[in-house]
Amino acid sequence: MIVGVHAFTGAALARLCRTPWQAFALGFASHLVADAMPHRDLDVPTEGALAVAALTTIGVAHGVHSREFAGALGAVAPDLENLVARALGLSDETLLLPTHNRFHGDKVDNVLGQLALVLGCIAILAQPLGEEVRGQ
């Protein structure tokens, strides 16, 4: 799954949480689910640029202390394992997360499904929070 997609998914799911720590944990869990779905991965430089762009966008829009930003960080955190493995030239079999080494989703040729997911997440994030949620 494209890292930027993970970030927006974690940020959108964070709307269900009361605290940034809960959001981080839910974002982390969402990474595992998303990785098991069929998807296309991109090369490391492109993934890195998209991750930085997504985190910057979420941080500017919602604040770096927000649940949304914590959810995004939790969702991208597992891919640090991939980054380290690529930098060290390690194989996928050495990765610890099961969705990185055994239960990784089937490869697909396009990113349309991931684009649709991101657009849905952006639509959720664009909605204002209700007063009962904002004060938490």
C-alpha atoms as a PDB file:
ATOM      1  CA  MET A   1       0.000   0.000   0.000  1.00  0.00           C
ATOM      2  CA  ILE A   2       1.305   3.448  -0.835  1.00  0.00           C
ATOM      3  CA  VAL A   3       2.545   5.083   2.385  1.00  0.00           C
ATOM      4  CA  GLY A   4       0.577   8.275   1.713  1.00  0.00           C
ATOM      5  CA  VAL A   5      -2.587   6.184   1.505  1.00  0.00           C
ATOM      6  CA  HIS A   6      -1.769   4.693   4.893  1.00  0.00           C
ATOM      7  CA  ALA A   7      -1.352   8.221   6.300  1.00  0.00           C
ATOM      8  CA  PHE A   8      -4.727   9.480   5.076  1.00  0.00           C
ATOM      9  CA  THR A   9      -6.461   6.280   6.183  1.00  0.00           C
ATOM     10  CA  GLY A  10      -4.987   6.559   9.678  1.00  0.00           C
ATOM     11  CA  ALA A  11      -5.945  10.234   9.868  1.00  0.00           C
ATOM     12  CA  ALA A  12      -9.546   9.551   8.837  1.00  0.00           C
ATOM     13  CA  LEU A  13      -9.906   6.646  11.271  1.00  0.00           C
ATOM     14  CA  ALA A  14      -8.524   8.856  14.050  1.00  0.00           C
ATOM     15  CA  ARG A  15     -11.864  10.679  13.989  1.00  0.00           C
ATOM     16  CA  LEU A  16     -13.238   7.626  15.829  1.00  0.00           C
ATOM     17  CA  CYS A  17     -10.786   8.049  18.716  1.00  0.00           C
ATOM     18  CA  ARG A  18     -10.799  10.180  21.843  1.00  0.00           C
ATOM     19  CA  THR A  19      -7.033  10.570  22.299  1.00  0.00           C
ATOM     20  CA  PRO A  20      -3.953  10.807  20.086  1.00  0.00           C
ATOM     21  CA  TRP A  21      -2.630   7.558  21.605  1.00  0.00           C
ATOM     22  CA  GLN A  22      -5.787   5.704  20.628  1.00  0.00           C
ATOM     23  CA  ALA A  23      -5.530   7.259  17.178  1.00  0.00           C
ATOM     24  CA  PHE A  24      -1.903   6.127  16.839  1.00  0.00           C
ATOM     25  CA  ALA A  25      -2.857   2.561  17.790  1.00  0.00           C
ATOM     26  CA  LEU A  26      -5.822   2.476  15.399  1.00  0.00           C
ATOM     27  CA  GLY A  27      -3.633   3.914  12.632  1.00  0.00           C
ATOM     28  CA  PHE A  28      -1.051   1.190  13.260  1.00  0.00           C
ATOM     29  CA  ALA A  29      -3.748  -1.510  13.125  1.00  0.00           C
ATOM     30  CA  SER A  30      -5.169  -0.022   9.914  1.00  0.00           C
ATOM     31  CA  HIS A  31      -1.758  -0.447   8.289  1.00  0.00           C
ATOM     32  CA  LEU A  32      -1.919  -4.204   8.775  1.00  0.00           C
ATOM     33  CA  VAL A  33      -5.406  -4.446   7.289  1.00  0.00           C
ATOM     34  CA  ALA A  34      -4.554  -2.240   4.311  1.00  0.00           C
ATOM     35  CA  ASP A  35      -1.360  -4.152   3.532  1.00  0.00           C
ATOM     36  CA  ALA A  36      -3.345  -7.376   3.226  1.00  0.00           C
ATOM     37  CA  MET A  37      -5.533  -5.876   0.473  1.00  0.00           C
ATOM     38  CA  PRO A  38      -4.502  -6.077  -3.211  1.00  0.00           C
ATOM     39  CA  HIS A  39      -2.444  -2.993  -4.036  1.00  0.00           C
ATOM     40  CA  ARG A  40       0.493  -1.560  -5.919  1.00  0.00           C
ATOM     41  CA  ASP A  41       3.635  -0.364  -4.143  1.00  0.00           C
ATOM     42  CA  LEU A  42       5.850   2.348  -5.618  1.00  0.00           C
ATOM     43  CA  ASP A  43       9.610   2.866  -5.570  1.00  0.00           C
ATOM     44  CA  VAL A  44      11.171   4.101  -2.316  1.00  0.00           C
ATOM     45  CA  PRO A  45      11.873   7.728  -3.420  1.00  0.00           C
ATOM     46  CA  THR A  46       8.295   8.171  -4.639  1.00  0.00           C
ATOM     47  CA  GLU A  47       6.863   6.521  -1.524  1.00  0.00           C
ATOM     48  CA  GLY A  48       9.004   8.777   0.668  1.00  0.00           C
ATOM     49  CA  ALA A  49       7.927  11.930  -1.133  1.00  0.00           C
ATOM     50  CA  LEU A  50       4.256  10.969  -0.937  1.00  0.00           C
ATOM     51  CA  ALA A  51       4.571  10.113   2.763  1.00  0.00           C
ATOM     52  CA  VAL A  52       6.156  13.483   3.549  1.00  0.00           C
ATOM     53  CA  ALA A  53       3.505  15.280   1.475  1.00  0.00           C
ATOM     54  CA  ALA A  54       0.657  13.418   3.207  1.00  0.00           C
ATOM     55  CA  LEU A  55       2.015  13.956   6.726  1.00  0.00           C
ATOM     56  CA  THR A  56       2.717  17.630   5.998  1.00  0.00           C
ATOM     57  CA  THR A  57      -0.792  18.137   4.631  1.00  0.00           C
ATOM     58  CA  ILE A  58      -2.407  16.432   7.617  1.00  0.00           C
ATOM     59  CA  GLY A  59      -0.163  18.277  10.080  1.00  0.00           C
ATOM     60  CA  VAL A  60      -0.921  21.676   8.554  1.00  0.00           C
ATOM     61  CA  ALA A  61      -4.662  21.001   8.242  1.00  0.00           C
ATOM     62  CA  HIS A  62      -5.226  19.466  11.674  1.00  0.00           C
ATOM     63  CA  GLY A  63      -2.143  20.296  13.756  1.00  0.00           C
ATOM     64  CA  VAL A  64       0.750  18.081  14.759  1.00  0.00           C
ATOM     65  CA  HIS A  65      -0.821  17.426  18.184  1.00  0.00           C
ATOM     66  CA  SER A  66      -4.146  16.309  16.712  1.00  0.00           C
ATOM     67  CA  ARG A  67      -5.672  12.854  16.715  1.00  0.00           C
ATOM     68  CA  GLU A  68      -5.608  12.967  12.907  1.00  0.00           C
ATOM     69  CA  PHE A  69      -1.843  13.487  12.819  1.00  0.00           C
ATOM     70  CA  ALA A  70      -1.292  10.788  15.462  1.00  0.00           C
ATOM     71  CA  GLY A  71      -3.421   8.376  13.429  1.00  0.00           C
ATOM     72  CA  ALA A  72      -1.414   9.176  10.322  1.00  0.00           C
ATOM     73  CA  LEU A  73       1.883   8.600  12.163  1.00  0.00           C
ATOM     74  CA  GLY A  74       0.632   5.287  13.521  1.00  0.00           C
ATOM     75  CA  ALA A  75      -0.425   4.220  10.056  1.00  0.00           C
ATOM     76  CA  VAL A  76       2.940   4.994   8.427  1.00  0.00           C
ATOM     77  CA  ALA A  77       5.135   3.791  11.317  1.00  0.00           C
ATOM     78  CA  PRO A  78       5.153   0.120  10.249  1.00  0.00           C
ATOM     79  CA  ASP A  79       6.698   1.062   6.915  1.00  0.00           C
ATOM     80  CA  LEU A  80       9.841   2.246   8.693  1.00  0.00           C
ATOM     81  CA  GLU A  81      10.647  -1.466   8.726  1.00  0.00           C
ATOM     82  CA  ASN A  82      10.502  -1.508   4.914  1.00  0.00           C
ATOM     83  CA  LEU A  83      12.680   1.595   4.671  1.00  0.00           C
ATOM     84  CA  VAL A  84      15.385   0.127   6.902  1.00  0.00           C
ATOM     85  CA  ALA A  85      15.275  -3.204   5.054  1.00  0.00           C
ATOM     86  CA  ARG A  86      15.676  -1.488   1.663  1.00  0.00           C
ATOM     87  CA  ALA A  87      18.517   0.687   2.942  1.00  0.00           C
ATOM     88  CA  LEU A  88      20.340  -2.385   4.281  1.00  0.00           C
ATOM     89  CA  GLY A  89      19.533  -4.552   1.263  1.00  0.00           C
ATOM     90  CA  LEU A  90      17.550  -7.084   3.316  1.00  0.00           C
ATOM     91  CA  SER A  91      14.985  -9.410   1.776  1.00  0.00           C
ATOM     92  CA  ASP A  92      11.269  -9.339   2.568  1.00  0.00           C
ATOM     93  CA  GLU A  93      11.668 -12.609   4.473  1.00  0.00           C
ATOM     94  CA  THR A  94      13.619 -10.738   7.177  1.00  0.00           C
ATOM     95  CA  LEU A  95      10.751  -8.321   7.866  1.00  0.00           C
ATOM     96  CA  LEU A  96       8.901  -8.735  11.167  1.00  0.00           C
ATOM     97  CA  LEU A  97       5.354  -7.638  10.360  1.00  0.00           C
ATOM     98  CA  PRO A  98       3.296 -10.488   8.923  1.00  0.00           C
ATOM     99  CA  THR A  99       1.736  -8.220   6.282  1.00  0.00           C
ATOM    100  CA  HIS A 100       5.217  -7.306   5.090  1.00  0.00           C
ATOM    101  CA  ASN A 101       6.658 -10.812   4.860  1.00  0.00           C
ATOM    102  CA  ARG A 102       3.796 -13.351   4.511  1.00  0.00           C
ATOM    103  CA  PHE A 103       0.319 -11.900   4.227  1.00  0.00           C
ATOM    104  CA  HIS A 104       1.047  -9.062   1.834  1.00  0.00           C
ATOM    105  CA  GLY A 105      -1.811  -8.322  -0.565  1.00  0.00           C
ATOM    106  CA  ASP A 106      -1.689  -9.366  -4.201  1.00  0.00           C
ATOM    107  CA  LYS A 107       0.095  -7.025  -6.585  1.00  0.00           C
ATOM    108  CA  VAL A 108      -2.080  -5.017  -8.961  1.00  0.00           C
ATOM    109  CA  ASP A 109      -1.029  -2.862 -11.915  1.00  0.00           C
ATOM    110  CA  ASN A 110      -2.888   0.329 -11.083  1.00  0.00           C
ATOM    111  CA  VAL A 111      -3.458   2.575  -8.096  1.00  0.00           C
ATOM    112  CA  LEU A 112      -7.131   3.407  -8.748  1.00  0.00           C
ATOM    113  CA  GLY A 113      -8.371   1.598  -5.647  1.00  0.00           C
ATOM    114  CA  GLN A 114      -5.857   3.420  -3.490  1.00  0.00           C
ATOM    115  CA  LEU A 115      -6.770   6.734  -5.117  1.00  0.00           C
ATOM    116  CA  ALA A 116     -10.446   6.106  -4.329  1.00  0.00           C
ATOM    117  CA  LEU A 117      -9.545   5.315  -0.705  1.00  0.00           C
ATOM    118  CA  VAL A 118      -7.523   8.526  -0.357  1.00  0.00           C
ATOM    119  CA  LEU A 119     -10.320  10.626  -1.822  1.00  0.00           C
ATOM    120  CA  GLY A 120     -12.801   9.067   0.618  1.00  0.00           C
ATOM    121  CA  CYS A 121     -10.459   9.768   3.519  1.00  0.00           C
ATOM    122  CA  ILE A 122      -9.975  13.375   2.419  1.00  0.00           C
ATOM    123  CA  ALA A 123     -13.757  13.789   2.257  1.00  0.00           C
ATOM    124  CA  ILE A 124     -14.015  12.524   5.854  1.00  0.00           C
ATOM    125  CA  LEU A 125     -11.194  14.796   7.015  1.00  0.00           C
ATOM    126  CA  ALA A 126     -12.809  17.808   5.333  1.00  0.00           C
ATOM    127  CA  GLN A 127     -15.919  17.455   7.482  1.00  0.00           C
ATOM    128  CA  PRO A 128     -15.965  19.695  10.550  1.00  0.00           C
ATOM    129  CA  LEU A 129     -15.932  17.981  13.913  1.00  0.00           C
ATOM    130  CA  GLY A 130     -19.028  18.306  16.069  1.00  0.00           C
ATOM    131  CA  GLU A 131     -18.786  20.289  19.301  1.00  0.00           C
ATOM    132  CA  GLU A 132     -18.981  17.120  21.437  1.00  0.00           C
ATOM    133  CA  VAL A 133     -15.926  15.701  19.625  1.00  0.00           C
ATOM    134  CA  ARG A 134     -13.899  18.902  19.281  1.00  0.00           C
ATOM    135  CA  GLY A 135     -13.811  19.495  23.034  1.00  0.00           C
ATOM    136  CA  GLN A 136     -12.258  16.108  23.812  1.00  0.00           C
END
